């Protein structure tokens, strides 16, 4: 059985501001009902009542989940199902020869891609990167069992984007 983790990553926070932003996001997650403070001083929070509408009815045991915004290694990727970014407009995958530019992002500027199908132009992180890789910090890590994790993460992404004036991307990690 594979492990699934949902990742929501800030793409444009200066390194000096990342820890403060992570703390602000964790405070917001608790205040908005997405998380409940962990009993452990260093542990992740548990999913809060706001996540309840994403419970799967077919799950036989009590659902469980953990959520935490933290500063980690700046690479957040899909791992086993990784592919290139997909066009935000027509959902075509970026050409193989362009995917190599994602590696340049690790230590340089975020690449800009032009879709070979429809001509749409976007920064890599503004594309559909759910099965790809992004570089940034902080990131929200969500592990949930008995929840529709993808739907939960997409709703949370919308709310995070509405509450914080930064660029955020979603990646679904599968190991």
C-alpha atoms as a PDB file:
ATOM      1  CA  UNK A   1       0.000   0.000   0.000  1.00  0.00           C
ATOM      2  CA  UNK A   2       1.418   3.364  -0.947  1.00  0.00           C
ATOM      3  CA  UNK A   3       1.601   6.464   1.206  1.00  0.00           C
ATOM      4  CA  UNK A   4      -0.065   9.643  -0.036  1.00  0.00           C
ATOM      5  CA  UNK A   5       0.810  13.116   1.223  1.00  0.00           C
ATOM      6  CA  UNK A   6      -0.668  16.414   0.079  1.00  0.00           C
ATOM      7  CA  UNK A   7       1.706  19.388  -0.158  1.00  0.00           C
ATOM      8  CA  UNK A   8       0.801  23.071  -0.461  1.00  0.00           C
ATOM      9  CA  UNK A   9       3.908  25.174  -0.985  1.00  0.00           C
ATOM     10  CA  UNK A  10       4.606  28.915  -0.922  1.00  0.00           C
ATOM     11  CA  UNK A  11       6.640  29.840  -3.980  1.00  0.00           C
ATOM     12  CA  UNK A  12       7.656  33.435  -3.353  1.00  0.00           C
ATOM     13  CA  UNK A  13       8.615  33.887   0.300  1.00  0.00           C
ATOM     14  CA  UNK A  14      12.089  35.279   0.986  1.00  0.00           C
ATOM     15  CA  UNK A  15      14.226  32.898   3.037  1.00  0.00           C
ATOM     16  CA  UNK A  16      14.426  35.348   5.951  1.00  0.00           C
ATOM     17  CA  UNK A  17      10.589  35.396   6.182  1.00  0.00           C
ATOM     18  CA  UNK A  18       9.846  31.672   5.777  1.00  0.00           C
ATOM     19  CA  UNK A  19       9.766  30.628   9.450  1.00  0.00           C
ATOM     20  CA  UNK A  20       7.555  33.573  10.374  1.00  0.00           C
ATOM     21  CA  UNK A  21       5.208  32.727   7.491  1.00  0.00           C
ATOM     22  CA  UNK A  22       5.064  29.080   8.632  1.00  0.00           C
ATOM     23  CA  UNK A  23       4.055  30.213  12.131  1.00  0.00           C
ATOM     24  CA  UNK A  24       1.427  32.578  10.691  1.00  0.00           C
ATOM     25  CA  UNK A  25       0.000  29.815   8.494  1.00  0.00           C
ATOM     26  CA  UNK A  26      -0.152  27.372  11.433  1.00  0.00           C
ATOM     27  CA  UNK A  27      -2.003  30.007  13.485  1.00  0.00           C
ATOM     28  CA  UNK A  28      -4.406  30.535  10.567  1.00  0.00           C
ATOM     29  CA  UNK A  29      -4.949  26.764  10.120  1.00  0.00           C
ATOM     30  CA  UNK A  30      -5.988  26.513  13.787  1.00  0.00           C
ATOM     31  CA  UNK A  31      -8.150  29.652  13.761  1.00  0.00           C
ATOM     32  CA  UNK A  32      -9.960  28.591  10.594  1.00  0.00           C
ATOM     33  CA  UNK A  33     -10.709  25.057  11.848  1.00  0.00           C
ATOM     34  CA  UNK A  34      -8.353  23.192   9.527  1.00  0.00           C
ATOM     35  CA  UNK A  35      -6.191  21.986  12.408  1.00  0.00           C
ATOM     36  CA  UNK A  36      -6.186  21.388  16.145  1.00  0.00           C
ATOM     37  CA  UNK A  37      -2.986  22.048  18.103  1.00  0.00           C
ATOM     38  CA  UNK A  38      -0.949  18.953  18.786  1.00  0.00           C
ATOM     39  CA  UNK A  39      -0.575  17.736  22.362  1.00  0.00           C
ATOM     40  CA  UNK A  40       3.108  17.204  21.554  1.00  0.00           C
ATOM     41  CA  UNK A  41       5.259  20.334  21.509  1.00  0.00           C
ATOM     42  CA  UNK A  42       7.007  19.323  18.280  1.00  0.00           C
ATOM     43  CA  UNK A  43       4.400  17.126  16.625  1.00  0.00           C
ATOM     44  CA  UNK A  44       2.145  18.052  13.734  1.00  0.00           C
ATOM     45  CA  UNK A  45      -1.369  19.267  14.453  1.00  0.00           C
ATOM     46  CA  UNK A  46      -4.326  16.974  13.810  1.00  0.00           C
ATOM     47  CA  UNK A  47      -6.901  17.733  11.154  1.00  0.00           C
ATOM     48  CA  UNK A  48      -9.693  19.916  12.491  1.00  0.00           C
ATOM     49  CA  UNK A  49     -13.450  20.052  11.989  1.00  0.00           C
ATOM     50  CA  UNK A  50     -13.112  21.944   8.690  1.00  0.00           C
ATOM     51  CA  UNK A  51     -11.695  18.729   7.191  1.00  0.00           C
ATOM     52  CA  UNK A  52     -14.701  16.637   8.257  1.00  0.00           C
ATOM     53  CA  UNK A  53     -16.612  17.251   5.031  1.00  0.00           C
ATOM     54  CA  UNK A  54     -13.823  15.375   3.201  1.00  0.00           C
ATOM     55  CA  UNK A  55     -14.229  12.137   5.171  1.00  0.00           C
ATOM     56  CA  UNK A  56     -14.673   9.078   2.988  1.00  0.00           C
ATOM     57  CA  UNK A  57     -17.847   7.168   3.788  1.00  0.00           C
ATOM     58  CA  UNK A  58     -16.268   3.839   2.821  1.00  0.00           C
ATOM     59  CA  UNK A  59     -13.470   4.147   5.405  1.00  0.00           C
ATOM     60  CA  UNK A  60     -14.087   1.447   8.026  1.00  0.00           C
ATOM     61  CA  UNK A  61     -12.104   2.887  10.935  1.00  0.00           C
ATOM     62  CA  UNK A  62     -11.949   6.357  12.429  1.00  0.00           C
ATOM     63  CA  UNK A  63     -10.200   8.740  10.048  1.00  0.00           C
ATOM     64  CA  UNK A  64      -6.972  10.328  11.170  1.00  0.00           C
ATOM     65  CA  UNK A  65      -4.806  13.057   9.823  1.00  0.00           C
ATOM     66  CA  UNK A  66      -1.900  15.345  10.513  1.00  0.00           C
ATOM     67  CA  UNK A  67      -1.242  18.818   9.150  1.00  0.00           C
ATOM     68  CA  UNK A  68       1.702  21.156   9.640  1.00  0.00           C
ATOM     69  CA  UNK A  69       3.211  24.159   7.914  1.00  0.00           C
ATOM     70  CA  UNK A  70       6.998  24.083   8.142  1.00  0.00           C
ATOM     71  CA  UNK A  71      10.236  25.103   6.483  1.00  0.00           C
ATOM     72  CA  UNK A  72      12.017  22.105   4.990  1.00  0.00           C
ATOM     73  CA  UNK A  73      14.249  21.273   2.070  1.00  0.00           C
ATOM     74  CA  UNK A  74      13.042  23.569  -0.695  1.00  0.00           C
ATOM     75  CA  UNK A  75      12.187  20.706  -3.095  1.00  0.00           C
ATOM     76  CA  UNK A  76       8.630  19.397  -2.834  1.00  0.00           C
ATOM     77  CA  UNK A  77       7.897  16.634  -5.340  1.00  0.00           C
ATOM     78  CA  UNK A  78       5.435  13.929  -6.308  1.00  0.00           C
ATOM     79  CA  UNK A  79       8.098  11.179  -5.934  1.00  0.00           C
ATOM     80  CA  UNK A  80       6.873   7.950  -7.590  1.00  0.00           C
ATOM     81  CA  UNK A  81       4.331   9.404 -10.013  1.00  0.00           C
ATOM     82  CA  UNK A  82       6.396  12.446 -10.993  1.00  0.00           C
ATOM     83  CA  UNK A  83       5.904  14.021 -14.404  1.00  0.00           C
ATOM     84  CA  UNK A  84       6.329  17.472 -15.885  1.00  0.00           C
ATOM     85  CA  UNK A  85       4.037  20.406 -15.176  1.00  0.00           C
ATOM     86  CA  UNK A  86       0.794  20.530 -17.127  1.00  0.00           C
ATOM     87  CA  UNK A  87      -0.594  23.594 -18.867  1.00  0.00           C
ATOM     88  CA  UNK A  88      -3.038  25.517 -16.688  1.00  0.00           C
ATOM     89  CA  UNK A  89      -5.195  26.185 -19.741  1.00  0.00           C
ATOM     90  CA  UNK A  90      -5.336  22.966 -21.837  1.00  0.00           C
ATOM     91  CA  UNK A  91      -3.753  20.425 -19.413  1.00  0.00           C
ATOM     92  CA  UNK A  92      -1.045  19.317 -21.894  1.00  0.00           C
ATOM     93  CA  UNK A  93       2.204  18.150 -20.317  1.00  0.00           C
ATOM     94  CA  UNK A  94       5.244  20.322 -20.952  1.00  0.00           C
ATOM     95  CA  UNK A  95       7.592  18.912 -23.608  1.00  0.00           C
ATOM     96  CA  UNK A  96      10.314  16.549 -22.361  1.00  0.00           C
ATOM     97  CA  UNK A  97      13.118  18.844 -23.505  1.00  0.00           C
ATOM     98  CA  UNK A  98      11.655  21.648 -21.366  1.00  0.00           C
ATOM     99  CA  UNK A  99      11.242  19.568 -18.202  1.00  0.00           C
ATOM    100  CA  UNK A 100      15.001  19.684 -17.592  1.00  0.00           C
ATOM    101  CA  UNK A 101      14.624  23.385 -16.758  1.00  0.00           C
ATOM    102  CA  UNK A 102      12.885  22.394 -13.517  1.00  0.00           C
ATOM    103  CA  UNK A 103      16.277  21.363 -12.127  1.00  0.00           C
ATOM    104  CA  UNK A 104      17.604  24.866 -12.792  1.00  0.00           C
ATOM    105  CA  UNK A 105      14.889  26.208 -10.481  1.00  0.00           C
ATOM    106  CA  UNK A 106      16.571  24.586  -7.475  1.00  0.00           C
ATOM    107  CA  UNK A 107      19.337  27.179  -7.458  1.00  0.00           C
ATOM    108  CA  UNK A 108      18.103  29.780  -9.900  1.00  0.00           C
ATOM    109  CA  UNK A 109      15.029  31.557 -11.164  1.00  0.00           C
ATOM    110  CA  UNK A 110      11.719  29.797 -11.645  1.00  0.00           C
ATOM    111  CA  UNK A 111      11.402  28.702 -15.289  1.00  0.00           C
ATOM    112  CA  UNK A 112       8.744  30.092 -17.604  1.00  0.00           C
ATOM    113  CA  UNK A 113       7.095  27.555 -19.905  1.00  0.00           C
ATOM    114  CA  UNK A 114       5.166  28.005 -23.124  1.00  0.00           C
ATOM    115  CA  UNK A 115       2.622  25.282 -23.856  1.00  0.00           C
ATOM    116  CA  UNK A 116       3.332  23.555 -27.165  1.00  0.00           C
ATOM    117  CA  UNK A 117      -0.382  22.859 -27.664  1.00  0.00           C
ATOM    118  CA  UNK A 118      -2.179  26.125 -26.912  1.00  0.00           C
ATOM    119  CA  UNK A 119       0.649  28.654 -26.508  1.00  0.00           C
ATOM    120  CA  UNK A 120      -0.217  29.630 -22.907  1.00  0.00           C
ATOM    121  CA  UNK A 121       2.758  31.080 -21.017  1.00  0.00           C
ATOM    122  CA  UNK A 122       3.238  30.626 -17.256  1.00  0.00           C
ATOM    123  CA  UNK A 123       5.793  30.318 -14.505  1.00  0.00           C
ATOM    124  CA  UNK A 124       6.317  26.652 -13.612  1.00  0.00           C
ATOM    125  CA  UNK A 125       4.587  26.985 -10.232  1.00  0.00           C
ATOM    126  CA  UNK A 126       1.527  28.575 -11.803  1.00  0.00           C
ATOM    127  CA  UNK A 127       0.928  25.487 -13.931  1.00  0.00           C
ATOM    128  CA  UNK A 128      -0.737  22.276 -12.782  1.00  0.00           C
ATOM    129  CA  UNK A 129       2.154  20.810 -10.776  1.00  0.00           C
ATOM    130  CA  UNK A 130       0.122  18.253  -8.796  1.00  0.00           C
ATOM    131  CA  UNK A 131       2.296  15.439 -10.206  1.00  0.00           C
ATOM    132  CA  UNK A 132       5.495  17.414 -10.606  1.00  0.00           C
ATOM    133  CA  UNK A 133       7.940  19.373  -8.450  1.00  0.00           C
ATOM    134  CA  UNK A 134       8.134  22.885  -7.016  1.00  0.00           C
ATOM    135  CA  UNK A 135      10.779  24.762  -5.052  1.00  0.00           C
ATOM    136  CA  UNK A 136       9.819  27.037  -2.187  1.00  0.00           C
ATOM    137  CA  UNK A 137       9.059  27.343   1.512  1.00  0.00           C
ATOM    138  CA  UNK A 138       7.216  27.098   3.767  1.00  0.00           C
ATOM    139  CA  UNK A 139       5.015  24.161   2.876  1.00  0.00           C
ATOM    140  CA  UNK A 140       1.889  22.658   4.370  1.00  0.00           C
ATOM    141  CA  UNK A 141       2.136  18.880   4.684  1.00  0.00           C
ATOM    142  CA  UNK A 142      -1.124  16.945   5.021  1.00  0.00           C
ATOM    143  CA  UNK A 143      -1.290  13.233   5.769  1.00  0.00           C
ATOM    144  CA  UNK A 144      -4.819  11.947   5.966  1.00  0.00           C
ATOM    145  CA  UNK A 145      -6.291   8.481   6.228  1.00  0.00           C
ATOM    146  CA  UNK A 146     -10.016   8.135   5.676  1.00  0.00           C
ATOM    147  CA  UNK A 147     -10.287  11.494   3.915  1.00  0.00           C
ATOM    148  CA  UNK A 148     -10.369  12.469   0.247  1.00  0.00           C
ATOM    149  CA  UNK A 149      -6.926  14.032   0.512  1.00  0.00           C
ATOM    150  CA  UNK A 150      -6.806  15.488  -2.989  1.00  0.00           C
ATOM    151  CA  UNK A 151     -10.166  17.257  -2.657  1.00  0.00           C
ATOM    152  CA  UNK A 152      -9.246  18.429   0.847  1.00  0.00           C
ATOM    153  CA  UNK A 153      -5.923  19.863  -0.370  1.00  0.00           C
ATOM    154  CA  UNK A 154      -7.503  21.635  -3.325  1.00  0.00           C
ATOM    155  CA  UNK A 155     -10.069  23.317  -1.065  1.00  0.00           C
ATOM    156  CA  UNK A 156      -7.364  24.267   1.422  1.00  0.00           C
ATOM    157  CA  UNK A 157      -5.222  25.647  -1.428  1.00  0.00           C
ATOM    158  CA  UNK A 158      -8.088  27.915  -2.484  1.00  0.00           C
ATOM    159  CA  UNK A 159      -8.530  29.176   1.074  1.00  0.00           C
ATOM    160  CA  UNK A 160      -4.790  29.677   1.636  1.00  0.00           C
ATOM    161  CA  UNK A 161      -4.564  31.673  -1.591  1.00  0.00           C
ATOM    162  CA  UNK A 162      -7.475  33.811  -0.411  1.00  0.00           C
ATOM    163  CA  UNK A 163      -5.926  34.446   2.999  1.00  0.00           C
ATOM    164  CA  UNK A 164      -2.252  34.970   2.113  1.00  0.00           C
ATOM    165  CA  UNK A 165      -1.126  37.249  -0.703  1.00  0.00           C
ATOM    166  CA  UNK A 166       1.542  34.893  -1.975  1.00  0.00           C
ATOM    167  CA  UNK A 167       1.825  32.323  -4.748  1.00  0.00           C
ATOM    168  CA  UNK A 168       1.010  28.786  -3.623  1.00  0.00           C
ATOM    169  CA  UNK A 169       1.169  25.463  -5.484  1.00  0.00           C
ATOM    170  CA  UNK A 170      -0.238  21.999  -4.809  1.00  0.00           C
ATOM    171  CA  UNK A 171       1.690  18.721  -5.206  1.00  0.00           C
ATOM    172  CA  UNK A 172       0.331  15.219  -4.527  1.00  0.00           C
ATOM    173  CA  UNK A 173       3.148  12.999  -3.235  1.00  0.00           C
ATOM    174  CA  UNK A 174       2.907   9.229  -3.542  1.00  0.00           C
ATOM    175  CA  UNK A 175       5.532   6.807  -2.241  1.00  0.00           C
END
